[in-house]
Protein backbone atom coordinates (compact mmCIF):
# COMPACT_ATOMS: atom_id res chain seq x y z
CA MET A 1 -126.69 -18.27 111.81
CA THR A 2 -128.93 -20.96 110.33
CA HIS A 3 -130.01 -23.90 112.47
CA ASP A 4 -130.64 -27.34 111.03
CA ASN A 5 -134.21 -27.27 112.33
CA ASP A 6 -134.97 -23.74 111.14
CA ILE A 7 -137.96 -23.80 108.79
CA SER A 8 -138.38 -21.12 106.15
CA ARG A 9 -141.37 -18.82 106.48
CA ARG A 10 -142.03 -19.45 102.82
CA THR A 11 -143.37 -22.84 103.83
CA PHE A 12 -146.25 -21.31 105.75
CA LEU A 13 -146.68 -17.59 105.08
CA GLY A 14 -149.54 -16.38 102.93
CA VAL A 15 -151.52 -19.61 103.17
CA THR A 16 -155.15 -18.98 102.17
CA ALA A 17 -158.13 -21.23 102.71
CA ALA A 18 -157.68 -22.70 99.22
CA GLY A 19 -154.25 -23.95 100.25
CA LEU A 20 -155.11 -25.36 103.64
CA MET A 21 -156.03 -28.81 102.33
CA ALA A 22 -152.55 -29.18 100.87
CA ALA A 23 -151.19 -28.42 104.35
CA GLY A 24 -152.75 -31.63 105.62
CA LEU A 25 -155.60 -30.06 107.61
CA PRO A 26 -158.88 -31.96 108.01
CA LYS A 27 -161.68 -31.33 105.50
CA TRP A 28 -164.08 -29.79 108.02
CA PHE A 29 -161.52 -27.19 109.07
CA VAL A 30 -160.73 -26.27 105.46
CA GLU A 31 -164.43 -25.85 104.63
CA GLU A 32 -164.90 -23.48 107.57
CA ALA A 33 -161.87 -21.43 106.50
CA GLU A 34 -163.15 -21.19 102.92
CA ALA A 35 -166.51 -19.94 104.15
CA ALA A 36 -164.86 -17.34 106.37
CA GLU A 37 -162.67 -16.22 103.48
CA LEU A 38 -165.71 -15.57 101.29
CA VAL A 39 -167.46 -13.57 104.02
CA GLN A 40 -164.34 -11.52 104.63
CA ALA A 41 -163.92 -10.81 100.90
CA GLY A 42 -167.55 -9.71 100.65
CA LYS A 43 -167.04 -7.09 103.36
CA ARG A 44 -163.80 -5.69 101.97
CA ARG A 45 -164.46 -2.42 100.19
CA LYS A 46 -163.10 -1.83 96.73
CA ILE A 47 -159.75 -0.03 96.84
CA GLY A 48 -159.80 3.14 94.77
CA PRO A 49 -156.93 5.37 93.57
CA ASN A 50 -157.10 7.51 96.72
CA ASP A 51 -157.06 4.60 99.15
CA THR A 52 -153.37 3.69 98.98
CA ILE A 53 -151.80 2.79 102.33
CA GLN A 54 -148.32 4.33 102.35
CA ILE A 55 -145.71 2.50 104.42
CA ALA A 56 -142.04 2.77 105.34
CA CYS A 57 -139.50 0.19 106.50
CA ILE A 58 -137.18 0.94 109.41
CA GLY A 59 -134.39 -1.63 109.53
CA PRO A 60 -134.78 -3.68 106.34
CA GLY A 61 -131.48 -5.53 106.69
CA GLY A 62 -129.89 -6.94 103.56
CA SER A 63 -127.01 -8.82 102.02
CA LYS A 64 -124.57 -8.55 104.94
CA GLY A 65 -125.10 -11.48 107.25
CA GLY A 66 -128.21 -12.60 105.40
CA PHE A 67 -130.61 -11.00 107.91
CA ARG A 68 -133.36 -9.21 105.98
CA GLN A 69 -136.53 -9.76 107.97
CA GLY A 70 -137.66 -6.15 107.70
CA LEU A 71 -137.13 -6.25 103.95
CA ASN A 72 -139.13 -9.46 103.61
CA ASP A 73 -141.97 -8.19 105.79
CA THR A 74 -142.17 -4.96 103.79
CA ALA A 75 -142.17 -6.80 100.47
CA TRP A 76 -144.96 -9.02 101.78
CA LEU A 77 -147.09 -6.01 102.71
CA ALA A 78 -146.23 -4.25 99.44
CA SER A 79 -147.56 -7.24 97.51
CA LYS A 80 -151.06 -6.47 98.79
CA GLN A 81 -153.47 -4.36 96.81
CA GLY A 82 -153.44 -0.66 97.68
CA VAL A 83 -150.07 -0.59 99.48
CA LYS A 84 -147.05 1.50 98.48
CA VAL A 85 -143.58 1.68 100.02
CA MET A 86 -142.56 5.32 100.38
CA ALA A 87 -139.29 5.13 102.30
CA VAL A 88 -136.65 2.88 103.85
CA CYS A 89 -134.30 3.61 106.73
CA ASP A 90 -131.18 1.77 107.84
CA VAL A 91 -127.96 2.71 109.66
CA ASP A 92 -126.15 0.47 107.17
CA ARG A 93 -126.15 2.50 103.96
CA THR A 94 -125.56 -0.59 101.82
CA HIS A 95 -128.72 -2.18 103.20
CA ARG A 96 -130.60 1.10 102.92
CA ASP A 97 -129.70 1.46 99.24
CA GLU A 98 -130.48 -2.19 98.46
CA ALA A 99 -133.92 -1.82 99.98
CA SER A 100 -134.61 1.44 98.18
CA ALA A 101 -133.76 -0.18 94.86
CA LYS A 102 -136.10 -3.07 95.59
CA PHE A 103 -139.00 -0.70 96.11
CA GLY A 104 -138.59 1.48 93.06
CA SER A 105 -135.90 3.83 94.36
CA CYS A 106 -138.07 5.04 97.23
CA ASP A 107 -136.77 7.67 99.66
CA ARG A 108 -133.78 6.71 101.83
CA TYR A 109 -133.06 7.70 105.43
CA ASP A 110 -130.38 7.04 108.07
CA ASP A 111 -132.47 8.20 111.07
CA PHE A 112 -135.88 6.71 111.84
CA ARG A 113 -137.07 9.99 113.38
CA GLU A 114 -137.10 11.59 109.94
CA VAL A 115 -139.30 8.77 108.66
CA ILE A 116 -141.95 8.98 111.36
CA ALA A 117 -142.04 12.77 111.04
CA ARG A 118 -143.48 12.41 107.52
CA LYS A 119 -147.21 13.01 107.50
CA ASP A 120 -147.73 11.04 104.28
CA ILE A 121 -146.65 7.72 105.83
CA ASP A 122 -149.48 5.72 107.37
CA ALA A 123 -147.61 2.76 108.86
CA VAL A 124 -144.09 1.55 109.54
CA VAL A 125 -142.46 -1.86 109.50
CA ILE A 126 -139.87 -2.24 112.27
CA GLY A 127 -137.26 -4.84 111.36
CA THR A 128 -134.35 -3.57 113.44
CA PRO A 129 -132.46 -5.63 116.03
CA ASP A 130 -134.54 -6.23 119.17
CA HIS A 131 -132.99 -3.52 121.36
CA TRP A 132 -134.52 -0.86 119.10
CA HIS A 133 -138.07 -2.26 118.81
CA GLY A 134 -139.65 -0.60 121.84
CA ILE A 135 -138.19 2.88 121.29
CA ILE A 136 -139.09 3.04 117.60
CA ALA A 137 -142.56 1.54 118.13
CA ALA A 138 -143.32 4.06 120.86
CA ALA A 139 -142.16 6.98 118.74
CA ALA A 140 -144.08 5.77 115.68
CA MET A 141 -147.36 5.36 117.56
CA ARG A 142 -147.01 8.79 119.15
CA ALA A 143 -146.46 10.19 115.64
CA GLY A 144 -149.80 8.73 114.55
CA LYS A 145 -148.44 5.71 112.66
CA ASP A 146 -149.75 2.18 112.64
CA VAL A 147 -147.09 -0.46 113.25
CA TYR A 148 -145.88 -3.85 112.11
CA CYS A 149 -143.08 -4.81 114.51
CA GLU A 150 -141.00 -7.94 114.26
CA LYS A 151 -140.83 -10.32 117.20
CA PRO A 152 -139.57 -10.49 119.86
CA LEU A 153 -141.46 -7.28 120.54
CA THR A 154 -139.20 -5.87 123.26
CA LEU A 155 -135.80 -6.19 124.91
CA ASP A 156 -137.27 -6.23 128.43
CA ILE A 157 -140.59 -6.45 130.25
CA ASP A 158 -140.74 -2.78 131.19
CA GLN A 159 -140.59 -1.76 127.53
CA GLY A 160 -143.57 -4.00 126.82
CA ILE A 161 -145.58 -2.48 129.65
CA ARG A 162 -144.82 1.01 128.35
CA ILE A 163 -145.57 0.46 124.67
CA THR A 164 -148.78 -1.42 125.51
CA LYS A 165 -149.99 1.68 127.36
CA ILE A 166 -148.99 3.90 124.40
CA TRP A 167 -150.83 1.54 122.05
CA ARG A 168 -153.99 1.80 124.11
CA ASP A 169 -153.70 5.59 124.40
CA THR A 170 -153.01 6.22 120.70
CA LYS A 171 -155.39 3.52 119.38
CA ALA A 172 -152.75 2.57 116.81
CA VAL A 173 -153.31 -0.57 114.74
CA PHE A 174 -150.42 -2.81 115.77
CA GLN A 175 -149.38 -6.19 114.41
CA THR A 176 -146.60 -8.20 116.05
CA GLY A 177 -144.69 -10.38 113.60
CA SER A 178 -145.76 -13.66 115.22
CA GLN A 179 -146.85 -15.11 111.89
CA GLN A 180 -147.60 -18.57 113.26
CA ARG A 181 -150.96 -17.19 114.45
CA SER A 182 -151.93 -16.86 110.80
CA ASP A 183 -151.18 -20.52 110.04
CA GLY A 184 -154.29 -22.71 110.22
CA ARG A 185 -152.38 -25.59 111.80
CA PHE A 186 -151.53 -23.54 114.87
CA ARG A 187 -155.04 -22.10 115.17
CA LEU A 188 -156.57 -25.57 114.93
CA ALA A 189 -154.26 -26.95 117.64
CA CYS A 190 -155.14 -24.05 119.94
CA GLU A 191 -158.88 -24.31 119.30
CA LEU A 192 -158.86 -28.04 120.03
CA ALA A 193 -156.86 -27.51 123.23
CA ARG A 194 -159.12 -24.66 124.34
CA ASN A 195 -162.25 -26.78 123.75
CA GLY A 196 -161.16 -29.81 125.74
CA ARG A 197 -160.52 -32.10 122.78
CA ILE A 198 -157.58 -33.65 124.68
CA GLY A 199 -159.36 -33.51 128.02
CA ASN A 200 -158.07 -31.39 130.87
CA LEU A 201 -154.91 -29.60 129.77
CA LYS A 202 -152.00 -30.59 132.00
CA THR A 203 -148.79 -29.41 130.37
CA VAL A 204 -147.63 -27.62 127.24
CA GLU A 205 -144.17 -28.18 125.78
CA ALA A 206 -142.44 -25.53 123.66
CA HIS A 207 -139.43 -27.06 121.92
CA LEU A 208 -136.89 -24.50 120.67
CA PRO A 209 -133.49 -24.80 118.99
CA ALA A 210 -130.41 -24.73 121.18
CA GLY A 211 -128.34 -21.56 121.28
CA THR A 212 -125.01 -20.96 119.60
CA THR A 213 -121.52 -20.86 121.10
CA ALA A 214 -118.84 -18.87 119.30
CA GLY A 215 -116.01 -16.44 119.95
CA PRO A 216 -113.85 -14.68 120.90
CA PHE A 217 -114.37 -12.35 117.94
CA GLU A 218 -111.98 -9.79 116.53
CA VAL A 219 -112.41 -6.07 117.16
CA LYS A 220 -112.32 -4.32 113.78
CA PRO A 221 -112.56 -0.78 112.41
CA VAL A 222 -116.12 0.39 111.87
CA PRO A 223 -117.05 0.11 108.16
CA THR A 224 -117.40 3.45 106.40
CA ASP A 225 -120.99 2.70 105.35
CA PHE A 226 -122.15 1.78 108.86
CA ASN A 227 -123.20 4.06 111.75
CA TRP A 228 -122.07 1.97 114.72
CA ASP A 229 -123.09 4.49 117.38
CA MET A 230 -126.62 4.72 115.96
CA TRP A 231 -126.83 0.93 115.60
CA LEU A 232 -126.06 0.60 119.31
CA GLY A 233 -128.46 3.41 120.18
CA PRO A 234 -129.81 2.62 123.68
CA ALA A 235 -127.42 -0.33 124.19
CA PRO A 236 -124.07 0.00 126.00
CA MET A 237 -121.17 1.49 124.05
CA THR A 238 -118.58 -1.12 123.08
CA ASP A 239 -115.93 -1.81 120.46
CA TYR A 240 -117.20 -2.72 117.01
CA ILE A 241 -117.35 -6.46 116.39
CA TYR A 242 -119.05 -7.56 113.17
CA GLU A 243 -120.61 -10.58 114.89
CA ARG A 244 -122.59 -8.29 117.21
CA THR A 245 -124.55 -7.00 114.21
CA HIS A 246 -126.80 -8.20 111.42
CA GLY A 247 -128.14 -11.75 111.84
CA SER A 248 -125.99 -12.71 114.82
CA PHE A 249 -127.11 -9.92 117.18
CA ARG A 250 -129.64 -12.34 118.68
CA HIS A 251 -126.87 -14.30 120.45
CA TRP A 252 -125.92 -11.31 122.66
CA LEU A 253 -127.96 -10.43 125.73
CA GLU A 254 -127.17 -6.75 125.18
CA TYR A 255 -129.38 -6.73 122.07
CA SER A 256 -131.64 -9.76 122.35
CA GLY A 257 -132.26 -12.89 124.42
CA GLY A 258 -130.87 -15.80 122.43
CA MET A 259 -133.11 -18.64 121.29
CA MET A 260 -135.27 -18.02 124.35
CA THR A 261 -136.64 -14.82 122.82
CA ASP A 262 -136.07 -15.71 119.15
CA TRP A 263 -137.95 -18.97 118.68
CA GLY A 264 -139.41 -18.65 122.17
CA ALA A 265 -141.44 -15.61 121.14
CA HIS A 266 -143.04 -17.78 118.43
CA HIS A 267 -143.71 -21.01 120.32
CA ASN A 268 -144.51 -19.55 123.73
CA ASP A 269 -147.02 -17.31 121.97
CA ILE A 270 -148.80 -20.37 120.55
CA ALA A 271 -148.59 -22.14 123.90
CA GLN A 272 -150.30 -19.26 125.70
CA TRP A 273 -152.88 -18.91 122.90
CA GLY A 274 -153.86 -22.55 123.34
CA MET A 275 -153.90 -22.14 127.12
CA GLY A 276 -156.12 -19.05 126.97
CA SER A 277 -153.38 -17.07 128.75
CA ASP A 278 -152.13 -14.81 125.97
CA ARG A 279 -153.15 -11.64 127.83
CA SER A 280 -151.86 -12.73 131.21
CA GLY A 281 -148.96 -14.95 132.22
CA PRO A 282 -147.56 -17.43 134.73
CA ILE A 283 -147.44 -17.07 138.51
CA SER A 284 -144.07 -18.76 138.99
CA ILE A 285 -140.93 -19.54 137.00
CA GLU A 286 -138.12 -22.00 137.61
CA ALA A 287 -135.23 -22.71 135.24
CA VAL A 288 -132.07 -24.66 134.62
CA GLY A 289 -129.62 -23.74 131.91
CA LEU A 290 -126.10 -23.44 130.63
CA ARG A 291 -124.18 -20.75 128.81
CA LYS A 292 -120.53 -20.91 127.83
CA PHE A 293 -119.01 -17.57 126.98
CA GLY A 294 -115.91 -15.49 127.35
CA PRO A 295 -114.72 -12.01 126.36
CA ARG A 296 -116.03 -10.86 122.95
CA SER A 297 -118.17 -14.02 122.62
CA TYR A 298 -121.85 -14.83 122.26
CA ASN A 299 -123.32 -14.69 125.78
CA ALA A 300 -126.95 -15.84 125.53
CA PHE A 301 -127.94 -19.19 127.06
CA GLN A 302 -127.26 -22.14 124.77
CA GLU A 303 -129.11 -24.75 126.84
CA PHE A 304 -132.19 -24.18 128.98
CA GLU A 305 -135.37 -25.63 130.39
CA VAL A 306 -137.85 -23.28 132.00
CA THR A 307 -140.99 -24.40 133.83
CA TYR A 308 -143.78 -21.84 134.06
CA THR A 309 -146.74 -22.53 136.35
CA TYR A 310 -150.09 -20.82 135.72
CA ALA A 311 -152.85 -20.03 138.21
CA ASN A 312 -154.96 -22.96 136.97
CA GLY A 313 -152.11 -25.42 137.60
CA VAL A 314 -151.15 -25.91 133.94
CA LYS A 315 -147.39 -25.93 133.35
CA LEU A 316 -145.58 -24.63 130.26
CA ILE A 317 -142.16 -26.23 129.79
CA THR A 318 -139.88 -24.40 127.37
CA GLY A 319 -136.60 -26.07 126.47
CA HIS A 320 -133.89 -26.51 123.87
CA GLN A 321 -134.49 -30.21 123.27
CA GLY A 322 -137.05 -32.11 121.24
CA GLU A 323 -138.70 -31.60 117.88
CA ASN A 324 -139.16 -27.94 117.01
CA GLY A 325 -142.80 -27.12 117.76
CA VAL A 326 -145.46 -27.02 120.46
CA GLN A 327 -147.19 -29.98 122.13
CA PHE A 328 -150.39 -29.73 124.18
CA ASN A 329 -150.79 -32.61 126.65
CA GLY A 330 -154.13 -33.44 128.25
CA ASP A 331 -155.50 -36.33 130.24
CA ALA A 332 -157.20 -37.64 127.07
CA GLY A 333 -154.38 -37.28 124.54
CA TRP A 334 -151.93 -34.87 122.96
CA ILE A 335 -151.62 -32.62 119.92
CA PHE A 336 -148.30 -31.56 118.38
CA VAL A 337 -148.02 -28.66 115.93
CA SER A 338 -145.13 -27.14 114.01
CA ARG A 339 -144.65 -25.13 110.86
CA GLY A 340 -144.66 -28.35 108.89
CA GLU A 341 -147.45 -30.44 110.38
CA ILE A 342 -150.10 -31.11 112.98
CA ARG A 343 -150.56 -34.55 114.50
CA ALA A 344 -152.21 -36.11 117.53
CA SER A 345 -152.11 -39.16 119.74
CA ASP A 346 -155.23 -40.26 117.87
CA GLN A 347 -156.12 -38.95 114.39
CA LYS A 348 -159.75 -38.77 115.47
CA LEU A 349 -158.83 -35.87 117.76
CA LEU A 350 -158.19 -33.83 114.60
CA ASP A 351 -160.81 -35.26 112.27
CA ALA A 352 -163.94 -34.80 114.38
CA PRO A 353 -165.44 -31.30 113.74
CA LEU A 354 -165.84 -28.95 116.68
CA PRO A 355 -169.47 -28.40 117.71
CA ALA A 356 -171.31 -25.18 116.90
CA SER A 357 -171.02 -24.14 120.54
CA ALA A 358 -167.20 -24.39 120.55
CA LYS A 359 -164.95 -21.48 121.43
CA ARG A 360 -163.45 -20.21 118.17
CA LEU A 361 -160.31 -18.11 117.91
CA TYR A 362 -159.42 -15.09 115.78
CA ALA A 363 -158.99 -16.42 112.23
CA SER A 364 -156.35 -15.07 109.86
CA ASP A 365 -154.77 -16.96 107.00
CA ASP A 366 -152.49 -14.12 105.88
CA HIS A 367 -150.64 -12.10 108.52
CA ALA A 368 -149.86 -9.20 106.17
CA GLN A 369 -153.35 -8.95 104.69
CA ASN A 370 -154.77 -9.07 108.21
CA LEU A 371 -152.81 -5.93 109.07
CA ILE A 372 -153.87 -4.12 105.87
CA ASP A 373 -157.51 -4.98 106.47
CA CYS A 374 -157.25 -3.72 110.05
CA ILE A 375 -155.62 -0.45 109.02
CA ARG A 376 -158.70 0.15 106.89
CA SER A 377 -161.27 -1.02 109.46
CA ARG A 378 -159.44 0.29 112.57
CA GLN A 379 -159.85 -3.11 114.21
CA GLN A 380 -156.88 -4.82 115.84
CA PRO A 381 -154.91 -7.61 114.09
CA ILE A 382 -154.55 -11.18 115.26
CA CYS A 383 -151.36 -10.49 117.25
CA ASP A 384 -151.77 -7.01 118.68
CA CYS A 385 -149.34 -5.09 120.89
CA GLU A 386 -150.52 -6.55 124.20
CA ILE A 387 -150.36 -10.12 122.93
CA GLY A 388 -146.89 -9.51 121.49
CA HIS A 389 -145.79 -8.06 124.82
CA ARG A 390 -147.19 -10.94 126.88
CA SER A 391 -145.66 -13.53 124.56
CA VAL A 392 -142.15 -12.18 124.89
CA SER A 393 -142.57 -11.33 128.60
CA ILE A 394 -142.53 -15.00 129.50
CA CYS A 395 -139.32 -15.37 127.48
CA HIS A 396 -137.80 -12.51 129.48
CA LEU A 397 -139.01 -14.15 132.71
CA GLY A 398 -137.21 -17.33 131.71
CA ASN A 399 -133.99 -15.45 130.99
CA ILE A 400 -134.21 -13.61 134.31
CA SER A 401 -134.55 -16.88 136.19
CA LEU A 402 -131.62 -18.34 134.23
CA ARG A 403 -129.45 -15.30 134.93
CA LEU A 404 -130.26 -15.63 138.63
CA GLY A 405 -129.02 -19.21 138.72
CA GLY A 406 -132.38 -20.81 137.97
CA ARG A 407 -133.99 -20.02 141.29
CA ARG A 408 -137.75 -20.15 141.59
CA LEU A 409 -139.42 -16.77 141.09
CA ASP A 410 -142.96 -15.69 141.91
CA TRP A 411 -144.59 -13.39 139.34
CA ASP A 412 -147.72 -11.27 139.51
CA PRO A 413 -149.13 -11.26 135.93
CA VAL A 414 -151.65 -8.52 136.73
CA LYS A 415 -149.23 -6.00 138.25
CA GLU A 416 -146.41 -7.42 136.08
CA MET A 417 -143.86 -7.49 138.85
CA PHE A 418 -141.92 -9.82 141.13
CA PRO A 419 -143.71 -9.33 144.47
CA ASN A 420 -140.98 -10.64 146.77
CA ASP A 421 -137.66 -10.57 144.90
CA GLN A 422 -136.01 -7.17 144.57
CA GLU A 423 -133.03 -8.50 142.62
CA ALA A 424 -135.33 -10.00 140.00
CA GLN A 425 -137.49 -6.87 139.96
CA GLU A 426 -134.46 -4.76 139.08
CA MET A 427 -134.07 -6.88 135.93
CA VAL A 428 -137.54 -6.06 134.62
CA ALA A 429 -136.06 -2.95 132.99
CA ARG A 430 -132.62 -2.39 131.48
CA PRO A 431 -130.58 0.81 131.54
CA ILE A 432 -130.85 2.93 128.40
CA ARG A 433 -127.77 4.72 127.08
CA GLY A 434 -127.81 8.38 126.22
CA ASN A 435 -130.98 10.40 125.67
CA TRP A 436 -133.03 7.59 124.13
CA LYS A 437 -136.35 6.87 125.83
CA LEU A 438 -139.72 5.32 125.23
């Protein structure tokens, strides 16, 4: 499903310092980025014939439904020097074969476990529906693979807690597909907010698209080229409905979290980055929302407004109304940022350079290259596993509050639990079908 305010990644992915001026960023910020780019290039070792990073894609997607994020991510990585795609895996054989053809008839698999068992594969791209992310990421890291995993990173908070521990234990290089962190506009907005350019930060607004209402859908025979049981995997068994799969899976709470976790994983990530809270979280959540659904229909929330309160008193308000993007509001002005622009209550807030003593954030102008560089250096990318987990955790917290009628919930971001609400605590983890486990 395409929303009117969806913005193609092609408008902001792969932006280097040389292209930042065209993006409307101030001259001082572009000059700093160019200098950093030269330093980074000087440190990068020459890639020889034995230095190829060999990757595989699990869940490329393809022509059915138009959802091909895994395919696009893998092609992006494969465009970098010294990277080769060795294998693709998909439970839809049509998508599997399309992806294999795109990457030079590379090896094809139906079961991700066969892919991660290969010792010649260094890293995997996980582009499956959300309910598979945690299980595959955990298995890949335990098998010694580095990981690029699409957002939202997990289906529930417990999965994030578990894979973050595995990430720390295995020391895997892990990049979450929150590509907005590698867009200079978003980094600039966060640096200015973190350095008091708009005064004391009071509120942050994350404006997401509204959800989709549709159904009831028809139960159909399972296509002969599609392994429905394996697609469901850890999710509850149910009759095959085409609209549960491919690009529309995100509208079902069984497999995703609606716009709250789709666009919310992007914009709440930027909000917490600018707040300096991207490795912690809020202390309370309160929500109002609406979802209209019936049997065999999309069941994620279509309308919502969630207010998160942080220990320092700053509030993050995430809702389905307003211009798609993130706005930081302080007592001395505001800054709005989206994939298309950055603007402020006063242009001078953007134009004045930050002082030498300012707090500067992790700089990346190419999300894919950042991962490749980190695989070689064994450093962590700009959006590592913990950050990806914390960014989607607040989306899950919002959905839990909505599912509980919007009541106020207290949250302990250190212990990652609801300290005084057993019903909410039971929603931190979801049941897993069959023998699948993290």
